[in-house]
Amino acid sequence: MRRPSTSNRLDDQVLAWGRSNTQGEVQLKQPVPVPGTYTVMVVATNYEPLIGERELHLDANTPAYFDPWGKIWLRSR
């Protein structure tokens, strides 16, 4: 069955995902293509989701591993 091209399902829009360790370091499961501009969403149990639309800007020289933000603070529910 072919999926329609206008879909709003989150899993159809996810380019990369990762998990955080107890120190808050995130490892993506696959690389993100460069160059590009991306929306970032952080979801954690008992915290409000954090969404930054078109906040991650990567140019062609972006290294495979880097930290563009330092610390990201989440608000508890």
PDB file of N, CA and C in Angstrom:
ATOM      1  N   MET A   1       0.837  -1.168   0.000  1.00  0.00           N
ATOM      2  CA  MET A   1       0.000   0.000   0.000  1.00  0.00           C
ATOM      3  C   MET A   1       0.893   1.247   0.000  1.00  0.00           C
ATOM      4  N   ARG A   2       0.568   2.189  -0.813  1.00  0.00           N
ATOM      5  CA  ARG A   2       1.358   3.414  -0.922  1.00  0.00           C
ATOM      6  C   ARG A   2       0.852   4.471   0.048  1.00  0.00           C
ATOM      7  N   ARG A   3       1.771   5.118   0.762  1.00  0.00           N
ATOM      8  CA  ARG A   3       1.388   6.177   1.693  1.00  0.00           C
ATOM      9  C   ARG A   3       1.100   7.461   0.929  1.00  0.00           C
ATOM     10  N   PRO A   4       0.110   8.213   1.370  1.00  0.00           N
ATOM     11  CA  PRO A   4      -0.142   9.502   0.719  1.00  0.00           C
ATOM     12  C   PRO A   4       1.027  10.453   0.961  1.00  0.00           C
ATOM     13  N   SER A   5       1.265  11.370   0.024  1.00  0.00           N
ATOM     14  CA  SER A   5       2.396  12.274   0.146  1.00  0.00           C
ATOM     15  C   SER A   5       2.167  13.369   1.182  1.00  0.00           C
ATOM     16  N   THR A   6       0.940  13.649   1.558  1.00  0.00           N
ATOM     17  CA  THR A   6       0.658  14.662   2.580  1.00  0.00           C
ATOM     18  C   THR A   6       0.288  13.947   3.872  1.00  0.00           C
ATOM     19  N   SER A   7       1.302  13.663   4.660  1.00  0.00           N
ATOM     20  CA  SER A   7       1.113  12.928   5.901  1.00  0.00           C
ATOM     21  C   SER A   7       1.574  13.781   7.064  1.00  0.00           C
ATOM     22  N   ASN A   8       0.881  13.681   8.189  1.00  0.00           N
ATOM     23  CA  ASN A   8       1.266  14.401   9.393  1.00  0.00           C
ATOM     24  C   ASN A   8       1.741  13.468  10.485  1.00  0.00           C
ATOM     25  N   ARG A   9       1.905  12.211  10.180  1.00  0.00           N
ATOM     26  CA  ARG A   9       2.386  11.267  11.183  1.00  0.00           C
ATOM     27  C   ARG A   9       3.822  11.590  11.549  1.00  0.00           C
ATOM     28  N   LEU A  10       4.114  11.647  12.844  1.00  0.00           N
ATOM     29  CA  LEU A  10       5.449  12.008  13.308  1.00  0.00           C
ATOM     30  C   LEU A  10       6.508  11.046  12.784  1.00  0.00           C
ATOM     31  N   ASP A  11       6.217   9.751  12.768  1.00  0.00           N
ATOM     32  CA  ASP A  11       7.234   8.797  12.324  1.00  0.00           C
ATOM     33  C   ASP A  11       7.535   8.920  10.835  1.00  0.00           C
ATOM     34  N   ASP A  12       6.666   9.563  10.054  1.00  0.00           N
ATOM     35  CA  ASP A  12       6.952   9.817   8.647  1.00  0.00           C
ATOM     36  C   ASP A  12       7.832  11.040   8.461  1.00  0.00           C
ATOM     37  N   GLN A  13       8.016  11.838   9.506  1.00  0.00           N
ATOM     38  CA  GLN A  13       8.755  13.080   9.398  1.00  0.00           C
ATOM     39  C   GLN A  13      10.099  13.044  10.135  1.00  0.00           C
ATOM     40  N   VAL A  14      10.366  12.004  10.882  1.00  0.00           N
ATOM     41  CA  VAL A  14      11.599  11.920  11.666  1.00  0.00           C
ATOM     42  C   VAL A  14      12.760  11.552  10.756  1.00  0.00           C
ATOM     43  N   LEU A  15      13.795  12.387  10.778  1.00  0.00           N
ATOM     44  CA  LEU A  15      14.988  12.132   9.988  1.00  0.00           C
ATOM     45  C   LEU A  15      16.018  11.358  10.806  1.00  0.00           C
ATOM     46  N   ALA A  16      16.128  11.698  12.075  1.00  0.00           N
ATOM     47  CA  ALA A  16      17.071  11.028  12.964  1.00  0.00           C
ATOM     48  C   ALA A  16      16.528  11.088  14.381  1.00  0.00           C
ATOM     49  N   TRP A  17      16.892  10.122  15.193  1.00  0.00           N
ATOM     50  CA  TRP A  17      16.501  10.139  16.599  1.00  0.00           C
ATOM     51  C   TRP A  17      17.648   9.563  17.407  1.00  0.00           C
ATOM     52  N   GLY A  18      17.636   9.883  18.679  1.00  0.00           N
ATOM     53  CA  GLY A  18      18.695   9.394  19.548  1.00  0.00           C
ATOM     54  C   GLY A  18      18.211   9.266  20.970  1.00  0.00           C
ATOM     55  N   ARG A  19      19.083   8.805  21.815  1.00  0.00           N
ATOM     56  CA  ARG A  19      18.786   8.662  23.240  1.00  0.00           C
ATOM     57  C   ARG A  19      19.863   9.365  24.039  1.00  0.00           C
ATOM     58  N   SER A  20      19.475   9.793  25.226  1.00  0.00           N
ATOM     59  CA  SER A  20      20.401  10.495  26.109  1.00  0.00           C
ATOM     60  C   SER A  20      20.845   9.571  27.229  1.00  0.00           C
ATOM     61  N   ASN A  21      22.081   9.770  27.692  1.00  0.00           N
ATOM     62  CA  ASN A  21      22.539   9.042  28.871  1.00  0.00           C
ATOM     63  C   ASN A  21      22.246   9.884  30.114  1.00  0.00           C
ATOM     64  N   THR A  22      22.660   9.450  31.278  1.00  0.00           N
ATOM     65  CA  THR A  22      22.353  10.174  32.520  1.00  0.00           C
ATOM     66  C   THR A  22      23.067  11.512  32.616  1.00  0.00           C
ATOM     67  N   GLN A  23      24.091  11.740  31.808  1.00  0.00           N
ATOM     68  CA  GLN A  23      24.781  13.030  31.784  1.00  0.00           C
ATOM     69  C   GLN A  23      24.144  13.986  30.778  1.00  0.00           C
ATOM     70  N   GLY A  24      23.139  13.519  30.024  1.00  0.00           N
ATOM     71  CA  GLY A  24      22.457  14.366  29.051  1.00  0.00           C
ATOM     72  C   GLY A  24      23.090  14.369  27.679  1.00  0.00           C
ATOM     73  N   GLU A  25      24.099  13.526  27.455  1.00  0.00           N
ATOM     74  CA  GLU A  25      24.726  13.450  26.142  1.00  0.00           C
ATOM     75  C   GLU A  25      23.833  12.625  25.215  1.00  0.00           C
ATOM     76  N   VAL A  26      23.603  13.144  24.014  1.00  0.00           N
ATOM     77  CA  VAL A  26      22.729  12.473  23.053  1.00  0.00           C
ATOM     78  C   VAL A  26      23.570  11.879  21.932  1.00  0.00           C
ATOM     79  N   GLN A  27      23.289  10.634  21.608  1.00  0.00           N
ATOM     80  CA  GLN A  27      23.907   9.976  20.462  1.00  0.00           C
ATOM     81  C   GLN A  27      22.792   9.670  19.463  1.00  0.00           C
ATOM     82  N   LEU A  28      22.896  10.215  18.257  1.00  0.00           N
ATOM     83  CA  LEU A  28      21.917   9.915  17.216  1.00  0.00           C
ATOM     84  C   LEU A  28      22.156   8.520  16.676  1.00  0.00           C
ATOM     85  N   LYS A  29      21.080   7.867  16.263  1.00  0.00           N
ATOM     86  CA  LYS A  29      21.176   6.507  15.735  1.00  0.00           C
ATOM     87  C   LYS A  29      21.680   6.485  14.297  1.00  0.00           C
ATOM     88  N   GLN A  30      21.593   7.612  13.599  1.00  0.00           N
ATOM     89  CA  GLN A  30      22.081   7.721  12.232  1.00  0.00           C
ATOM     90  C   GLN A  30      22.502   9.171  11.986  1.00  0.00           C
ATOM     91  N   PRO A  31      23.418   9.402  11.039  1.00  0.00           N
ATOM     92  CA  PRO A  31      23.870  10.776  10.789  1.00  0.00           C
ATOM     93  C   PRO A  31      22.774  11.613  10.135  1.00  0.00           C
ATOM     94  N   VAL A  32      22.841  12.920  10.346  1.00  0.00           N
ATOM     95  CA  VAL A  32      21.912  13.866   9.735  1.00  0.00           C
ATOM     96  C   VAL A  32      22.599  14.438   8.500  1.00  0.00           C
ATOM     97  N   PRO A  33      21.932  14.447   7.340  1.00  0.00           N
ATOM     98  CA  PRO A  33      22.558  14.965   6.126  1.00  0.00           C
ATOM     99  C   PRO A  33      22.926  16.449   6.242  1.00  0.00           C
ATOM    100  N   VAL A  34      24.076  16.803   5.683  1.00  0.00           N
ATOM    101  CA  VAL A  34      24.508  18.195   5.628  1.00  0.00           C
ATOM    102  C   VAL A  34      24.719  18.569   4.168  1.00  0.00           C
ATOM    103  N   PRO A  35      24.521  19.803   3.775  1.00  0.00           N
ATOM    104  CA  PRO A  35      23.973  20.907   4.562  1.00  0.00           C
ATOM    105  C   PRO A  35      22.471  20.741   4.745  1.00  0.00           C
ATOM    106  N   GLY A  36      21.922  21.458   5.726  1.00  0.00           N
ATOM    107  CA  GLY A  36      20.482  21.418   5.954  1.00  0.00           C
ATOM    108  C   GLY A  36      20.082  22.225   7.167  1.00  0.00           C
ATOM    109  N   THR A  37      18.793  22.524   7.250  1.00  0.00           N
ATOM    110  CA  THR A  37      18.187  23.208   8.390  1.00  0.00           C
ATOM    111  C   THR A  37      17.095  22.298   8.904  1.00  0.00           C
ATOM    112  N   TYR A  38      17.073  22.063  10.237  1.00  0.00           N
ATOM    113  CA  TYR A  38      16.185  21.058  10.801  1.00  0.00           C
ATOM    114  C   TYR A  38      15.424  21.567  12.017  1.00  0.00           C
ATOM    115  N   THR A  39      14.259  20.989  12.221  1.00  0.00           N
ATOM    116  CA  THR A  39      13.482  21.202  13.434  1.00  0.00           C
ATOM    117  C   THR A  39      13.928  20.154  14.440  1.00  0.00           C
ATOM    118  N   VAL A  40      14.077  20.556  15.695  1.00  0.00           N
ATOM    119  CA  VAL A  40      14.540  19.651  16.739  1.00  0.00           C
ATOM    120  C   VAL A  40      13.448  19.522  17.794  1.00  0.00           C
ATOM    121  N   MET A  41      13.172  18.288  18.216  1.00  0.00           N
ATOM    122  CA  MET A  41      12.197  18.040  19.269  1.00  0.00           C
ATOM    123  C   MET A  41      12.842  17.156  20.326  1.00  0.00           C
ATOM    124  N   VAL A  42      12.746  17.587  21.588  1.00  0.00           N
ATOM    125  CA  VAL A  42      13.276  16.814  22.707  1.00  0.00           C
ATOM    126  C   VAL A  42      12.082  16.387  23.556  1.00  0.00           C
ATOM    127  N   VAL A  43      11.956  15.088  23.796  1.00  0.00           N
ATOM    128  CA  VAL A  43      10.857  14.537  24.585  1.00  0.00           C
ATOM    129  C   VAL A  43      11.445  13.698  25.704  1.00  0.00           C
ATOM    130  N   ALA A  44      10.996  13.944  26.930  1.00  0.00           N
ATOM    131  CA  ALA A  44      11.457  13.175  28.084  1.00  0.00           C
ATOM    132  C   ALA A  44      10.277  12.932  29.013  1.00  0.00           C
ATOM    133  N   THR A  45      10.224  11.771  29.626  1.00  0.00           N
ATOM    134  CA  THR A  45       9.163  11.422  30.558  1.00  0.00           C
ATOM    135  C   THR A  45       9.094  12.444  31.685  1.00  0.00           C
ATOM    136  N   ASN A  46       7.898  12.901  31.995  1.00  0.00           N
ATOM    137  CA  ASN A  46       7.616  13.874  33.058  1.00  0.00           C
ATOM    138  C   ASN A  46       8.122  15.284  32.764  1.00  0.00           C
ATOM    139  N   TYR A  47       8.467  15.575  31.521  1.00  0.00           N
ATOM    140  CA  TYR A  47       8.886  16.913  31.119  1.00  0.00           C
ATOM    141  C   TYR A  47       8.077  17.367  29.917  1.00  0.00           C
ATOM    142  N   GLU A  48       7.908  18.672  29.791  1.00  0.00           N
ATOM    143  CA  GLU A  48       7.214  19.217  28.630  1.00  0.00           C
ATOM    144  C   GLU A  48       8.110  19.067  27.409  1.00  0.00           C
ATOM    145  N   PRO A  49       7.537  18.708  26.251  1.00  0.00           N
ATOM    146  CA  PRO A  49       8.357  18.613  25.038  1.00  0.00           C
ATOM    147  C   PRO A  49       8.965  19.971  24.697  1.00  0.00           C
ATOM    148  N   LEU A  50      10.147  19.941  24.158  1.00  0.00           N
ATOM    149  CA  LEU A  50      10.841  21.144  23.721  1.00  0.00           C
ATOM    150  C   LEU A  50      10.984  21.051  22.206  1.00  0.00           C
ATOM    151  N   ILE A  51      10.433  22.026  21.488  1.00  0.00           N
ATOM    152  CA  ILE A  51      10.471  21.998  20.034  1.00  0.00           C
ATOM    153  C   ILE A  51      11.078  23.305  19.524  1.00  0.00           C
ATOM    154  N   GLY A  52      12.073  23.186  18.694  1.00  0.00           N
ATOM    155  CA  GLY A  52      12.698  24.339  18.046  1.00  0.00           C
ATOM    156  C   GLY A  52      12.553  24.180  16.548  1.00  0.00           C
ATOM    157  N   GLU A  53      11.629  24.933  15.955  1.00  0.00           N
ATOM    158  CA  GLU A  53      11.391  24.804  14.520  1.00  0.00           C
ATOM    159  C   GLU A  53      12.498  25.481  13.727  1.00  0.00           C
ATOM    160  N   ARG A  54      13.114  24.705  12.828  1.00  0.00           N
ATOM    161  CA  ARG A  54      14.177  25.186  11.942  1.00  0.00           C
ATOM    162  C   ARG A  54      15.307  25.857  12.729  1.00  0.00           C
ATOM    163  N   GLU A  55      15.663  25.271  13.887  1.00  0.00           N
ATOM    164  CA  GLU A  55      16.683  25.843  14.775  1.00  0.00           C
ATOM    165  C   GLU A  55      18.078  25.281  14.554  1.00  0.00           C
ATOM    166  N   LEU A  56      18.178  24.114  13.939  1.00  0.00           N
ATOM    167  CA  LEU A  56      19.482  23.492  13.735  1.00  0.00           C
ATOM    168  C   LEU A  56      19.929  23.733  12.300  1.00  0.00           C
ATOM    169  N   HIS A  57      20.989  24.532  12.138  1.00  0.00           N
ATOM    170  CA  HIS A  57      21.512  24.882  10.815  1.00  0.00           C
ATOM    171  C   HIS A  57      22.885  24.232  10.650  1.00  0.00           C
ATOM    172  N   LEU A  58      22.992  23.329   9.695  1.00  0.00           N
ATOM    173  CA  LEU A  58      24.251  22.632   9.441  1.00  0.00           C
ATOM    174  C   LEU A  58      24.761  23.002   8.057  1.00  0.00           C
ATOM    175  N   ASP A  59      26.036  23.399   7.970  1.00  0.00           N
ATOM    176  CA  ASP A  59      26.602  23.676   6.656  1.00  0.00           C
ATOM    177  C   ASP A  59      27.398  22.463   6.182  1.00  0.00           C
ATOM    178  N   ALA A  60      27.936  22.553   5.004  1.00  0.00           N
ATOM    179  CA  ALA A  60      28.632  21.411   4.402  1.00  0.00           C
ATOM    180  C   ALA A  60      29.878  21.007   5.181  1.00  0.00           C
ATOM    181  N   ASN A  61      30.426  21.893   6.008  1.00  0.00           N
ATOM    182  CA  ASN A  61      31.636  21.588   6.774  1.00  0.00           C
ATOM    183  C   ASN A  61      31.360  21.119   8.200  1.00  0.00           C
ATOM    184  N   THR A  62      30.110  20.883   8.542  1.00  0.00           N
ATOM    185  CA  THR A  62      29.768  20.449   9.892  1.00  0.00           C
ATOM    186  C   THR A  62      30.360  19.066  10.168  1.00  0.00           C
ATOM    187  N   PRO A  63      31.114  18.919  11.275  1.00  0.00           N
ATOM    188  CA  PRO A  63      31.679  17.595  11.590  1.00  0.00           C
ATOM    189  C   PRO A  63      30.581  16.611  11.999  1.00  0.00           C
ATOM    190  N   ALA A  64      30.876  15.339  11.914  1.00  0.00           N
ATOM    191  CA  ALA A  64      29.888  14.308  12.243  1.00  0.00           C
ATOM    192  C   ALA A  64      29.468  14.362  13.711  1.00  0.00           C
ATOM    193  N   TYR A  65      30.378  14.744  14.609  1.00  0.00           N
ATOM    194  CA  TYR A  65      30.061  14.802  16.037  1.00  0.00           C
ATOM    195  C   TYR A  65      30.405  16.185  16.567  1.00  0.00           C
ATOM    196  N   PHE A  66      29.387  16.894  17.049  1.00  0.00           N
ATOM    197  CA  PHE A  66      29.610  18.198  17.656  1.00  0.00           C
ATOM    198  C   PHE A  66      28.402  18.543  18.510  1.00  0.00           C
ATOM    199  N   ASP A  67      28.528  19.546  19.346  1.00  0.00           N
ATOM    200  CA  ASP A  67      27.456  19.956  20.254  1.00  0.00           C
ATOM    201  C   ASP A  67      27.072  21.399  19.940  1.00  0.00           C
ATOM    202  N   PRO A  68      25.964  21.620  19.196  1.00  0.00           N
ATOM    203  CA  PRO A  68      25.616  22.979  18.797  1.00  0.00           C
ATOM    204  C   PRO A  68      25.017  23.836  19.911  1.00  0.00           C
ATOM    205  N   TRP A  69      24.541  23.230  21.011  1.00  0.00           N
ATOM    206  CA  TRP A  69      23.823  24.007  22.024  1.00  0.00           C
ATOM    207  C   TRP A  69      24.464  24.032  23.396  1.00  0.00           C
ATOM    208  N   GLY A  70      25.293  23.099  23.727  1.00  0.00           N
ATOM    209  CA  GLY A  70      25.748  22.997  25.100  1.00  0.00           C
ATOM    210  C   GLY A  70      24.652  22.321  25.910  1.00  0.00           C
ATOM    211  N   LYS A  71      24.111  22.995  26.915  1.00  0.00           N
ATOM    212  CA  LYS A  71      23.041  22.405  27.730  1.00  0.00           C
ATOM    213  C   LYS A  71      21.675  22.848  27.227  1.00  0.00           C
ATOM    214  N   ILE A  72      20.715  21.925  27.272  1.00  0.00           N
ATOM    215  CA  ILE A  72      19.314  22.229  26.978  1.00  0.00           C
ATOM    216  C   ILE A  72      18.519  21.965  28.247  1.00  0.00           C
ATOM    217  N   TRP A  73      17.775  22.954  28.700  1.00  0.00           N
ATOM    218  CA  TRP A  73      17.018  22.825  29.939  1.00  0.00           C
ATOM    219  C   TRP A  73      15.570  22.494  29.616  1.00  0.00           C
ATOM    220  N   LEU A  74      15.011  21.491  30.304  1.00  0.00           N
ATOM    221  CA  LEU A  74      13.619  21.094  30.138  1.00  0.00           C
ATOM    222  C   LEU A  74      12.811  21.502  31.353  1.00  0.00           C
ATOM    223  N   ARG A  75      11.564  21.841  31.141  1.00  0.00           N
ATOM    224  CA  ARG A  75      10.654  22.235  32.233  1.00  0.00           C
ATOM    225  C   ARG A  75       9.850  21.011  32.667  1.00  0.00           C
ATOM    226  N   SER A  76       9.858  20.705  33.955  1.00  0.00           N
ATOM    227  CA  SER A  76       9.109  19.552  34.451  1.00  0.00           C
ATOM    228  C   SER A  76       7.619  19.856  34.438  1.00  0.00           C
ATOM    229  N   ARG A  77       6.829  18.802  34.358  1.00  0.00           N
ATOM    230  CA  ARG A  77       5.364  18.965  34.336  1.00  0.00           C
ATOM    231  C   ARG A  77       4.828  19.076  35.728  1.00  0.00           C
TER     232      ARG A  77
END
